[in-house]
Amino acid sequence: MTAIAPPIDLDRAWDLHPQVSVRPEPFGALLYHFGTRKLSFLKDPRLLTTVRALATAPTARAACSAAGVTDGELPRFGAALAELARSSMMVERSAP
């Protein structure tokens, strides 16, 4: 059985880890973390759009909204972002 990542606070600012590289693919994208050597697959192009929007969005919820994620889809996208956080692909952005 696969463990489900605990939820993240979608109302906080998040960003990709500085050591993560994004390679777009027809199915979504590949994320590679140079520090941990982990590889993650984003199997939804809107998840890639969300991940890219994290850098400028004030919150993860705003990044999801900018990618066209509906309220009904938010739990699924939130779970995907939580998994990326659990695997150190993304980190909470500190306040300026």
N, C-alpha and C. Protein backbone atom coordinates (compact mmCIF):
# COMPACT_ATOMS: atom_id res chain seq x y z
N MET A 1 0.84 -1.17 0.00
CA MET A 1 0.00 0.00 0.00
C MET A 1 0.89 1.24 0.00
N THR A 2 0.57 2.22 -0.84
CA THR A 2 1.33 3.47 -0.94
C THR A 2 0.83 4.45 0.10
N ALA A 3 1.77 5.04 0.82
CA ALA A 3 1.40 6.05 1.81
C ALA A 3 1.01 7.34 1.10
N ILE A 4 -0.01 7.99 1.62
CA ILE A 4 -0.45 9.26 1.06
C ILE A 4 0.25 10.37 1.82
N ALA A 5 0.80 11.32 1.08
CA ALA A 5 1.51 12.43 1.71
C ALA A 5 0.53 13.27 2.52
N PRO A 6 0.97 13.74 3.70
CA PRO A 6 0.08 14.63 4.45
C PRO A 6 -0.17 15.90 3.64
N PRO A 7 -1.32 16.51 3.82
CA PRO A 7 -1.63 17.70 3.02
C PRO A 7 -0.68 18.86 3.32
N ILE A 8 -0.53 19.72 2.33
CA ILE A 8 0.23 20.95 2.53
C ILE A 8 -0.75 22.09 2.69
N ASP A 9 -0.29 23.19 3.21
CA ASP A 9 -1.12 24.37 3.35
C ASP A 9 -1.12 25.11 2.00
N LEU A 10 -2.21 25.00 1.27
CA LEU A 10 -2.32 25.62 -0.04
C LEU A 10 -2.37 27.15 0.05
N ASP A 11 -2.56 27.66 1.23
CA ASP A 11 -2.62 29.11 1.40
C ASP A 11 -1.28 29.71 1.79
N ARG A 12 -0.23 28.93 1.62
CA ARG A 12 1.14 29.41 1.83
C ARG A 12 1.85 29.46 0.48
N ALA A 13 2.95 30.19 0.45
CA ALA A 13 3.75 30.30 -0.78
C ALA A 13 4.73 29.12 -0.86
N TRP A 14 4.79 28.50 -2.01
CA TRP A 14 5.68 27.36 -2.26
C TRP A 14 6.47 27.64 -3.54
N ASP A 15 7.56 26.90 -3.71
CA ASP A 15 8.37 27.03 -4.92
C ASP A 15 9.08 25.72 -5.16
N LEU A 16 9.56 25.53 -6.36
CA LEU A 16 10.40 24.37 -6.62
C LEU A 16 11.68 24.51 -5.83
N HIS A 17 12.22 23.39 -5.40
CA HIS A 17 13.53 23.41 -4.73
C HIS A 17 14.54 23.94 -5.73
N PRO A 18 15.52 24.74 -5.29
CA PRO A 18 16.50 25.30 -6.23
C PRO A 18 17.30 24.26 -7.01
N GLN A 19 17.37 23.04 -6.50
CA GLN A 19 18.13 21.99 -7.19
C GLN A 19 17.26 21.13 -8.10
N VAL A 20 16.04 21.56 -8.36
CA VAL A 20 15.13 20.79 -9.21
C VAL A 20 15.10 21.37 -10.62
N SER A 21 15.23 20.48 -11.58
CA SER A 21 15.16 20.84 -12.99
C SER A 21 13.85 20.28 -13.56
N VAL A 22 13.23 21.06 -14.43
CA VAL A 22 11.96 20.67 -15.05
C VAL A 22 12.18 20.43 -16.54
N ARG A 23 11.75 19.27 -17.00
CA ARG A 23 11.82 18.96 -18.44
C ARG A 23 10.41 18.67 -18.94
N PRO A 24 9.83 19.61 -19.70
CA PRO A 24 8.49 19.37 -20.24
C PRO A 24 8.49 18.15 -21.17
N GLU A 25 7.40 17.43 -21.13
CA GLU A 25 7.18 16.25 -21.96
C GLU A 25 5.74 16.30 -22.48
N PRO A 26 5.42 15.55 -23.53
CA PRO A 26 4.05 15.54 -24.06
C PRO A 26 2.99 15.17 -23.00
N PHE A 27 3.34 14.34 -22.05
CA PHE A 27 2.40 13.90 -21.03
C PHE A 27 2.33 14.85 -19.83
N GLY A 28 3.26 15.79 -19.71
CA GLY A 28 3.35 16.68 -18.56
C GLY A 28 4.78 17.15 -18.40
N ALA A 29 5.53 16.47 -17.49
CA ALA A 29 6.93 16.85 -17.30
C ALA A 29 7.65 15.84 -16.44
N LEU A 30 8.97 15.92 -16.49
CA LEU A 30 9.85 15.20 -15.58
C LEU A 30 10.51 16.22 -14.67
N LEU A 31 10.55 15.93 -13.38
CA LEU A 31 11.27 16.76 -12.44
C LEU A 31 12.45 15.94 -11.93
N TYR A 32 13.63 16.54 -11.93
CA TYR A 32 14.81 15.84 -11.41
C TYR A 32 15.45 16.70 -10.34
N HIS A 33 15.67 16.10 -9.18
CA HIS A 33 16.31 16.79 -8.06
C HIS A 33 17.78 16.38 -8.04
N PHE A 34 18.65 17.34 -8.33
CA PHE A 34 20.08 17.05 -8.41
C PHE A 34 20.69 16.71 -7.05
N GLY A 35 20.08 17.17 -5.96
CA GLY A 35 20.60 16.87 -4.63
C GLY A 35 20.26 15.47 -4.17
N THR A 36 19.01 15.06 -4.37
CA THR A 36 18.56 13.75 -3.89
C THR A 36 18.59 12.68 -4.99
N ARG A 37 18.75 13.14 -6.22
CA ARG A 37 18.73 12.26 -7.41
C ARG A 37 17.38 11.59 -7.62
N LYS A 38 16.33 12.21 -7.11
CA LYS A 38 14.98 11.67 -7.30
C LYS A 38 14.40 12.22 -8.59
N LEU A 39 13.56 11.41 -9.20
CA LEU A 39 12.87 11.77 -10.43
C LEU A 39 11.37 11.69 -10.15
N SER A 40 10.63 12.70 -10.56
CA SER A 40 9.17 12.69 -10.43
C SER A 40 8.54 12.96 -11.78
N PHE A 41 7.42 12.32 -12.02
CA PHE A 41 6.67 12.50 -13.25
C PHE A 41 5.43 13.32 -12.96
N LEU A 42 5.22 14.36 -13.74
CA LEU A 42 3.97 15.12 -13.67
C LEU A 42 3.14 14.66 -14.86
N LYS A 43 2.06 13.95 -14.58
CA LYS A 43 1.29 13.32 -15.65
C LYS A 43 0.10 14.15 -16.10
N ASP A 44 0.05 15.38 -15.69
CA ASP A 44 -1.04 16.27 -16.09
C ASP A 44 -0.41 17.61 -16.48
N PRO A 45 -0.61 18.06 -17.70
CA PRO A 45 -0.02 19.35 -18.11
C PRO A 45 -0.41 20.52 -17.21
N ARG A 46 -1.61 20.45 -16.61
CA ARG A 46 -2.00 21.54 -15.70
C ARG A 46 -1.20 21.50 -14.41
N LEU A 47 -0.74 20.32 -14.02
CA LEU A 47 0.14 20.24 -12.84
C LEU A 47 1.47 20.93 -13.15
N LEU A 48 1.96 20.74 -14.37
CA LEU A 48 3.18 21.45 -14.79
C LEU A 48 2.95 22.96 -14.76
N THR A 49 1.81 23.41 -15.27
CA THR A 49 1.49 24.83 -15.25
C THR A 49 1.42 25.33 -13.81
N THR A 50 0.83 24.54 -12.93
CA THR A 50 0.76 24.90 -11.51
C THR A 50 2.15 25.02 -10.91
N VAL A 51 3.00 24.03 -11.14
CA VAL A 51 4.35 24.02 -10.59
C VAL A 51 5.14 25.23 -11.09
N ARG A 52 4.99 25.55 -12.36
CA ARG A 52 5.69 26.73 -12.91
C ARG A 52 5.14 28.03 -12.31
N ALA A 53 3.86 28.06 -12.00
CA ALA A 53 3.24 29.26 -11.44
C ALA A 53 3.61 29.49 -9.98
N LEU A 54 4.12 28.48 -9.30
CA LEU A 54 4.46 28.62 -7.89
C LEU A 54 5.44 29.76 -7.64
N ALA A 55 6.38 29.97 -8.54
CA ALA A 55 7.43 30.98 -8.34
C ALA A 55 6.88 32.39 -8.22
N THR A 56 5.76 32.66 -8.88
CA THR A 56 5.23 34.03 -8.86
C THR A 56 3.89 34.15 -8.13
N ALA A 57 3.26 33.04 -7.86
CA ALA A 57 1.96 33.08 -7.19
C ALA A 57 2.14 33.33 -5.69
N PRO A 58 1.22 34.07 -5.09
CA PRO A 58 1.33 34.33 -3.66
C PRO A 58 1.08 33.09 -2.80
N THR A 59 0.33 32.13 -3.35
CA THR A 59 0.03 30.88 -2.63
C THR A 59 -0.05 29.73 -3.62
N ALA A 60 0.01 28.52 -3.10
CA ALA A 60 -0.16 27.35 -3.96
C ALA A 60 -1.59 27.31 -4.52
N ARG A 61 -2.54 27.76 -3.72
CA ARG A 61 -3.94 27.81 -4.20
C ARG A 61 -4.05 28.74 -5.40
N ALA A 62 -3.37 29.89 -5.35
CA ALA A 62 -3.38 30.85 -6.46
C ALA A 62 -2.70 30.25 -7.69
N ALA A 63 -1.63 29.47 -7.49
CA ALA A 63 -0.95 28.81 -8.61
C ALA A 63 -1.90 27.80 -9.27
N CYS A 64 -2.63 27.07 -8.45
CA CYS A 64 -3.61 26.11 -9.00
C CYS A 64 -4.69 26.85 -9.79
N SER A 65 -5.18 27.92 -9.23
CA SER A 65 -6.22 28.71 -9.90
C SER A 65 -5.72 29.24 -11.23
N ALA A 66 -4.48 29.73 -11.25
CA ALA A 66 -3.89 30.26 -12.50
C ALA A 66 -3.76 29.17 -13.55
N ALA A 67 -3.64 27.92 -13.12
CA ALA A 67 -3.52 26.80 -14.05
C ALA A 67 -4.88 26.27 -14.49
N GLY A 68 -5.96 26.87 -13.98
CA GLY A 68 -7.29 26.43 -14.38
C GLY A 68 -7.84 25.28 -13.56
N VAL A 69 -7.26 25.03 -12.40
CA VAL A 69 -7.74 23.95 -11.53
C VAL A 69 -9.03 24.43 -10.84
N THR A 70 -10.07 23.63 -10.94
CA THR A 70 -11.36 23.98 -10.33
C THR A 70 -11.35 23.61 -8.85
N ASP A 71 -12.32 24.15 -8.11
CA ASP A 71 -12.44 23.82 -6.69
C ASP A 71 -12.61 22.32 -6.48
N GLY A 72 -13.34 21.67 -7.37
CA GLY A 72 -13.54 20.23 -7.26
C GLY A 72 -12.27 19.42 -7.50
N GLU A 73 -11.36 19.97 -8.28
CA GLU A 73 -10.11 19.28 -8.57
C GLU A 73 -9.01 19.61 -7.56
N LEU A 74 -9.23 20.62 -6.75
CA LEU A 74 -8.21 21.09 -5.83
C LEU A 74 -7.69 20.01 -4.87
N PRO A 75 -8.53 19.14 -4.33
CA PRO A 75 -7.98 18.09 -3.46
C PRO A 75 -6.97 17.19 -4.17
N ARG A 76 -7.24 16.85 -5.42
CA ARG A 76 -6.32 15.99 -6.18
C ARG A 76 -5.01 16.72 -6.46
N PHE A 77 -5.11 17.98 -6.87
CA PHE A 77 -3.90 18.75 -7.15
C PHE A 77 -3.14 19.04 -5.86
N GLY A 78 -3.87 19.31 -4.77
CA GLY A 78 -3.22 19.51 -3.48
C GLY A 78 -2.46 18.28 -3.03
N ALA A 79 -3.03 17.10 -3.27
CA ALA A 79 -2.34 15.86 -2.91
C ALA A 79 -1.07 15.68 -3.75
N ALA A 80 -1.14 16.04 -5.04
CA ALA A 80 0.05 15.93 -5.90
C ALA A 80 1.13 16.90 -5.43
N LEU A 81 0.74 18.12 -5.07
CA LEU A 81 1.72 19.10 -4.57
C LEU A 81 2.30 18.63 -3.23
N ALA A 82 1.46 18.03 -2.39
CA ALA A 82 1.96 17.50 -1.11
C ALA A 82 2.99 16.41 -1.33
N GLU A 83 2.78 15.58 -2.33
CA GLU A 83 3.75 14.52 -2.64
C GLU A 83 5.06 15.15 -3.12
N LEU A 84 4.97 16.20 -3.93
CA LEU A 84 6.19 16.89 -4.38
C LEU A 84 6.92 17.51 -3.20
N ALA A 85 6.19 18.05 -2.24
CA ALA A 85 6.82 18.62 -1.04
C ALA A 85 7.46 17.53 -0.20
N ARG A 86 6.76 16.40 -0.06
CA ARG A 86 7.29 15.29 0.74
C ARG A 86 8.59 14.76 0.15
N SER A 87 8.70 14.79 -1.16
CA SER A 87 9.90 14.28 -1.82
C SER A 87 10.95 15.37 -2.05
N SER A 88 10.75 16.52 -1.44
CA SER A 88 11.70 17.66 -1.50
C SER A 88 11.81 18.27 -2.89
N MET A 89 10.85 18.03 -3.76
CA MET A 89 10.86 18.67 -5.08
C MET A 89 10.43 20.13 -4.97
N MET A 90 9.58 20.41 -3.98
CA MET A 90 9.19 21.79 -3.75
C MET A 90 9.32 22.09 -2.27
N VAL A 91 9.52 23.36 -1.98
CA VAL A 91 9.74 23.80 -0.60
C VAL A 91 8.87 25.03 -0.33
N GLU A 92 8.55 25.20 0.94
CA GLU A 92 7.79 26.40 1.31
C GLU A 92 8.69 27.61 1.14
N ARG A 93 8.13 28.64 0.51
CA ARG A 93 8.89 29.87 0.28
C ARG A 93 8.87 30.68 1.57
N SER A 94 10.04 31.16 1.96
CA SER A 94 10.11 31.98 3.18
C SER A 94 9.64 33.40 2.87
N ALA A 95 9.17 34.06 3.89
CA ALA A 95 8.68 35.44 3.72
C ALA A 95 9.84 36.36 3.32
N PRO A 96 9.54 37.38 2.50
CA PRO A 96 10.61 38.28 2.04
C PRO A 96 11.19 39.11 3.16
